[in-house]
Amino acid sequence: MKTCWSLGMILITMMLILARVNAAPTAQECKEERRLAVVACQNVLYGRQPSAACCQRARVSHVECICPAITPKLAALIDVNRFTKLIEGCGRRVPRHYKCGSITTP
């Protein structure tokens, strides 16, 4: 009986861990993701190619964290075609006509 209870607790714990991994990030986690993206991809702002760290960040960042930060003011500074090519060059697929904040991909 004790073994069955222990296995049940392990199973429940594993399910909770998996649910957390797949859950949407918290506001604090999103804030940290945006900070990390800015730090890792700073060189792109100066017209350079993304670094390996920037590409890694592009692959792992949650769109629900990044897209709300793209305001109309920021969108005016972004070349959407270049942005899309950079993201795809880092190995992350960008859907056509995808709305991300105040920009829509081609």
Protein backbone atom coordinates (compact mmCIF):
# COMPACT_ATOMS: atom_id res chain seq x y z
CA MET A 1 0.00 0.00 0.00
CA LYS A 2 2.82 2.40 0.90
CA THR A 3 4.57 1.69 -2.41
CA CYS A 4 1.37 2.42 -4.34
CA TRP A 5 0.93 5.72 -2.46
CA SER A 6 4.58 6.68 -3.11
CA LEU A 7 4.25 5.91 -6.82
CA GLY A 8 1.06 7.94 -6.92
CA MET A 9 2.79 10.92 -5.30
CA ILE A 10 5.69 10.66 -7.75
CA LEU A 11 3.25 10.56 -10.67
CA ILE A 12 1.35 13.59 -9.37
CA THR A 13 4.61 15.48 -8.83
CA MET A 14 5.76 14.68 -12.38
CA MET A 15 2.42 15.85 -13.77
CA LEU A 16 2.69 19.14 -11.85
CA ILE A 17 6.24 19.68 -13.11
CA LEU A 18 5.19 18.99 -16.70
CA ALA A 19 2.19 21.29 -16.36
CA ARG A 20 4.48 24.08 -15.14
CA VAL A 21 6.91 23.54 -18.03
CA ASN A 22 4.07 23.93 -20.53
CA ALA A 23 2.35 26.79 -18.67
CA ALA A 24 2.47 30.36 -19.89
CA PRO A 25 5.30 32.37 -18.36
CA THR A 26 4.56 34.72 -15.47
CA ALA A 27 4.82 38.49 -15.80
CA GLN A 28 8.18 38.40 -14.01
CA GLU A 29 9.46 35.63 -16.30
CA CYS A 30 8.36 37.65 -19.35
CA LYS A 31 10.13 40.74 -18.04
CA GLU A 32 13.32 38.70 -17.63
CA GLU A 33 12.95 37.18 -21.14
CA ARG A 34 12.66 40.65 -22.66
CA ARG A 35 15.69 41.86 -20.71
CA LEU A 36 17.74 38.86 -21.85
CA ALA A 37 16.65 39.39 -25.46
CA VAL A 38 17.71 43.05 -25.42
CA VAL A 39 21.11 42.18 -23.93
CA ALA A 40 21.74 39.22 -26.26
CA CYS A 41 20.58 40.97 -29.43
CA GLN A 42 21.97 44.45 -28.92
CA ASN A 43 24.36 44.05 -31.86
CA VAL A 44 21.40 43.62 -34.24
CA LEU A 45 20.28 47.16 -33.39
CA TYR A 46 23.54 48.38 -34.92
CA GLY A 47 22.98 46.52 -38.20
CA ARG A 48 25.13 43.51 -37.36
CA GLN A 49 24.19 39.87 -37.69
CA PRO A 50 22.76 38.16 -34.60
CA SER A 51 25.23 36.44 -32.32
CA ALA A 52 24.88 32.81 -31.28
CA ALA A 53 23.43 34.03 -27.96
CA CYS A 54 20.89 36.19 -29.79
CA CYS A 55 19.84 33.28 -32.00
CA GLN A 56 19.47 31.04 -28.96
CA ARG A 57 17.29 33.69 -27.33
CA ALA A 58 15.20 33.96 -30.52
CA ARG A 59 14.60 30.21 -30.44
CA VAL A 60 13.58 29.97 -26.78
CA SER A 61 11.74 33.22 -26.08
CA HIS A 62 7.97 33.06 -25.71
CA VAL A 63 6.11 35.15 -28.28
CA GLU A 64 3.55 36.00 -25.59
CA CYS A 65 6.38 37.77 -23.75
CA ILE A 66 8.01 39.54 -26.68
CA CYS A 67 5.09 40.59 -28.91
CA PRO A 68 3.24 42.79 -26.38
CA ALA A 69 6.42 44.87 -26.05
CA ILE A 70 6.33 45.80 -29.75
CA THR A 71 4.46 49.09 -29.54
CA PRO A 72 3.59 51.29 -32.55
CA LYS A 73 6.57 53.51 -31.67
CA LEU A 74 8.95 50.53 -31.64
CA ALA A 75 7.34 49.00 -34.74
CA ALA A 76 8.15 52.18 -36.68
CA LEU A 77 11.84 51.44 -36.09
CA ILE A 78 11.67 47.80 -37.22
CA ASP A 79 12.21 46.65 -40.80
CA VAL A 80 9.75 43.75 -40.73
CA ASN A 81 11.36 41.92 -43.65
CA ARG A 82 14.82 42.09 -42.02
CA PHE A 83 13.34 41.12 -38.65
CA THR A 84 11.66 38.06 -40.21
CA LYS A 85 14.83 36.99 -42.06
CA LEU A 86 16.93 37.35 -38.91
CA ILE A 87 14.52 35.25 -36.83
CA GLU A 88 14.28 32.57 -39.51
CA GLY A 89 18.07 32.65 -39.95
CA CYS A 90 18.30 31.73 -36.29
CA GLY A 91 16.18 28.63 -36.88
CA ARG A 92 12.78 29.80 -35.69
CA ARG A 93 9.88 29.70 -38.13
CA VAL A 94 7.89 32.91 -38.55
CA PRO A 95 4.34 32.38 -39.84
CA ARG A 96 3.16 34.51 -42.76
CA HIS A 97 0.86 37.40 -41.82
CA TYR A 98 1.54 36.81 -38.12
CA LYS A 99 0.52 39.70 -35.84
CA CYS A 100 3.17 40.39 -33.23
CA GLY A 101 2.42 43.50 -31.23
CA SER A 102 2.13 46.36 -33.70
CA ILE A 103 3.75 44.57 -36.61
CA THR A 104 2.47 41.96 -39.03
CA THR A 105 4.94 39.69 -40.78
CA PRO A 106 4.94 39.51 -44.59
